[in-house]
Amino acid sequence: MDGYLAQLKPERPLAPSKIPFAGESVPAAPFTHVGLPEPDSVPGIRKAQVCAPCANDIGQLHVAVAQLDARTSRVYIKAVA
């Protein structure tokens, strides 16, 4: 997971987070819609902001990463206008 995250070149190192997308009462497009648990329910998830400002209509790009096992991680990516 750390090798993949280094390639994203986040502005700051990914930090452990209890609530990855804190401050949002209701997600605009919940991850449960595609059969995934919401990031704030995944223990040990880490988050960072990848770009700000990003190109075009995206103001920020947030990433949250959960390590599922020794070889597998789940990456949540969210664009914020």
C-alpha atoms as a PDB file:
ATOM      1  CA  MET A   1       0.000   0.000   0.000  1.00  0.00           C
ATOM      2  CA  ASP A   2       2.755   2.480   0.882  1.00  0.00           C
ATOM      3  CA  GLY A   3       4.444   2.061  -2.512  1.00  0.00           C
ATOM      4  CA  TYR A   4       1.195   2.844  -4.317  1.00  0.00           C
ATOM      5  CA  LEU A   5       0.503   5.847  -2.099  1.00  0.00           C
ATOM      6  CA  ALA A   6       3.952   7.289  -2.755  1.00  0.00           C
ATOM      7  CA  GLN A   7       3.140   7.308  -6.491  1.00  0.00           C
ATOM      8  CA  LEU A   8       0.094   9.511  -5.836  1.00  0.00           C
ATOM      9  CA  LYS A   9       2.428  12.244  -4.574  1.00  0.00           C
ATOM     10  CA  PRO A  10       0.045  13.620  -1.922  1.00  0.00           C
ATOM     11  CA  GLU A  11       0.634  17.149  -0.693  1.00  0.00           C
ATOM     12  CA  ARG A  12       1.168  15.720   2.807  1.00  0.00           C
ATOM     13  CA  PRO A  13       1.724  12.138   4.023  1.00  0.00           C
ATOM     14  CA  LEU A  14      -1.455  10.134   4.455  1.00  0.00           C
ATOM     15  CA  ALA A  15      -2.599  10.376   8.029  1.00  0.00           C
ATOM     16  CA  PRO A  16      -4.603   7.876  10.050  1.00  0.00           C
ATOM     17  CA  SER A  17      -8.180   9.002  10.336  1.00  0.00           C
ATOM     18  CA  LYS A  18     -11.232   7.876  12.243  1.00  0.00           C
ATOM     19  CA  ILE A  19     -13.532   9.674   9.774  1.00  0.00           C
ATOM     20  CA  PRO A  20     -11.892  10.091   6.319  1.00  0.00           C
ATOM     21  CA  PHE A  21     -14.384  12.497   4.806  1.00  0.00           C
ATOM     22  CA  ALA A  22     -15.319  14.331   7.996  1.00  0.00           C
ATOM     23  CA  GLY A  23     -17.580  17.351   7.747  1.00  0.00           C
ATOM     24  CA  GLU A  24     -20.000  15.777   5.299  1.00  0.00           C
ATOM     25  CA  SER A  25     -23.317  14.837   6.806  1.00  0.00           C
ATOM     26  CA  VAL A  26     -24.534  12.914   3.752  1.00  0.00           C
ATOM     27  CA  PRO A  27     -22.186  11.856   0.952  1.00  0.00           C
ATOM     28  CA  ALA A  28     -23.248  13.086  -2.488  1.00  0.00           C
ATOM     29  CA  ALA A  29     -22.531   9.663  -3.995  1.00  0.00           C
ATOM     30  CA  PRO A  30     -22.274   7.108  -1.204  1.00  0.00           C
ATOM     31  CA  PHE A  31     -19.850   4.245  -1.689  1.00  0.00           C
ATOM     32  CA  THR A  32     -22.533   1.825  -0.453  1.00  0.00           C
ATOM     33  CA  HIS A  33     -24.238   2.441  -3.819  1.00  0.00           C
ATOM     34  CA  VAL A  34     -21.508   0.352  -5.456  1.00  0.00           C
ATOM     35  CA  GLY A  35     -21.437  -2.261  -2.702  1.00  0.00           C
ATOM     36  CA  LEU A  36     -18.539  -0.874  -0.651  1.00  0.00           C
ATOM     37  CA  PRO A  37     -18.535   0.115   3.000  1.00  0.00           C
ATOM     38  CA  GLU A  38     -18.358   3.837   3.652  1.00  0.00           C
ATOM     39  CA  PRO A  39     -14.775   4.941   4.394  1.00  0.00           C
ATOM     40  CA  ASP A  40     -15.662   6.188   7.868  1.00  0.00           C
ATOM     41  CA  SER A  41     -16.651   2.629   8.845  1.00  0.00           C
ATOM     42  CA  VAL A  42     -13.272   1.090   7.890  1.00  0.00           C
ATOM     43  CA  PRO A  43     -10.802   0.766  10.803  1.00  0.00           C
ATOM     44  CA  GLY A  44      -7.256   2.024  10.203  1.00  0.00           C
ATOM     45  CA  ILE A  45      -8.061   3.947   7.025  1.00  0.00           C
ATOM     46  CA  ARG A  46      -5.642   6.752   6.052  1.00  0.00           C
ATOM     47  CA  LYS A  47      -6.427   9.910   4.101  1.00  0.00           C
ATOM     48  CA  ALA A  48      -4.820  12.810   2.276  1.00  0.00           C
ATOM     49  CA  GLN A  49      -5.589  15.558  -0.192  1.00  0.00           C
ATOM     50  CA  VAL A  50      -3.949  14.791  -3.534  1.00  0.00           C
ATOM     51  CA  CYS A  51      -4.373  18.031  -5.487  1.00  0.00           C
ATOM     52  CA  ALA A  52      -5.699  21.505  -4.803  1.00  0.00           C
ATOM     53  CA  PRO A  53      -6.653  23.085  -6.982  1.00  0.00           C
ATOM     54  CA  CYS A  54      -7.105  20.320  -9.504  1.00  0.00           C
ATOM     55  CA  ALA A  55      -7.890  20.913 -13.164  1.00  0.00           C
ATOM     56  CA  ASN A  56     -11.274  21.994 -14.531  1.00  0.00           C
ATOM     57  CA  ASP A  57     -14.279  21.772 -12.200  1.00  0.00           C
ATOM     58  CA  ILE A  58     -12.590  19.822  -9.408  1.00  0.00           C
ATOM     59  CA  GLY A  59     -11.432  21.970  -6.508  1.00  0.00           C
ATOM     60  CA  GLN A  60      -9.794  19.185  -4.507  1.00  0.00           C
ATOM     61  CA  LEU A  61      -9.173  15.475  -4.791  1.00  0.00           C
ATOM     62  CA  HIS A  62      -9.296  13.468  -1.573  1.00  0.00           C
ATOM     63  CA  VAL A  63      -8.008   9.930  -1.235  1.00  0.00           C
ATOM     64  CA  ALA A  64      -8.606   7.465   1.592  1.00  0.00           C
ATOM     65  CA  VAL A  65      -6.844   4.093   1.629  1.00  0.00           C
ATOM     66  CA  ALA A  66      -7.653   0.996   3.662  1.00  0.00           C
ATOM     67  CA  GLN A  67      -5.313  -1.976   3.781  1.00  0.00           C
ATOM     68  CA  LEU A  68      -7.498  -5.088   3.520  1.00  0.00           C
ATOM     69  CA  ASP A  69      -4.726  -7.671   3.909  1.00  0.00           C
ATOM     70  CA  ALA A  70      -0.976  -8.019   3.272  1.00  0.00           C
ATOM     71  CA  ARG A  71      -1.436  -7.769  -0.524  1.00  0.00           C
ATOM     72  CA  THR A  72      -4.678  -5.871  -1.023  1.00  0.00           C
ATOM     73  CA  SER A  73      -5.785  -2.293  -0.348  1.00  0.00           C
ATOM     74  CA  ARG A  74      -8.967  -0.386  -1.183  1.00  0.00           C
ATOM     75  CA  VAL A  75      -8.580   3.155  -2.463  1.00  0.00           C
ATOM     76  CA  TYR A  76     -11.454   5.622  -2.088  1.00  0.00           C
ATOM     77  CA  ILE A  77     -11.183   8.721  -4.266  1.00  0.00           C
ATOM     78  CA  LYS A  78     -13.481  11.696  -3.965  1.00  0.00           C
ATOM     79  CA  ALA A  79     -13.537  14.873  -6.052  1.00  0.00           C
ATOM     80  CA  VAL A  80     -14.722  18.002  -4.256  1.00  0.00           C
ATOM     81  CA  ALA A  81     -15.902  21.003  -6.260  1.00  0.00           C
END
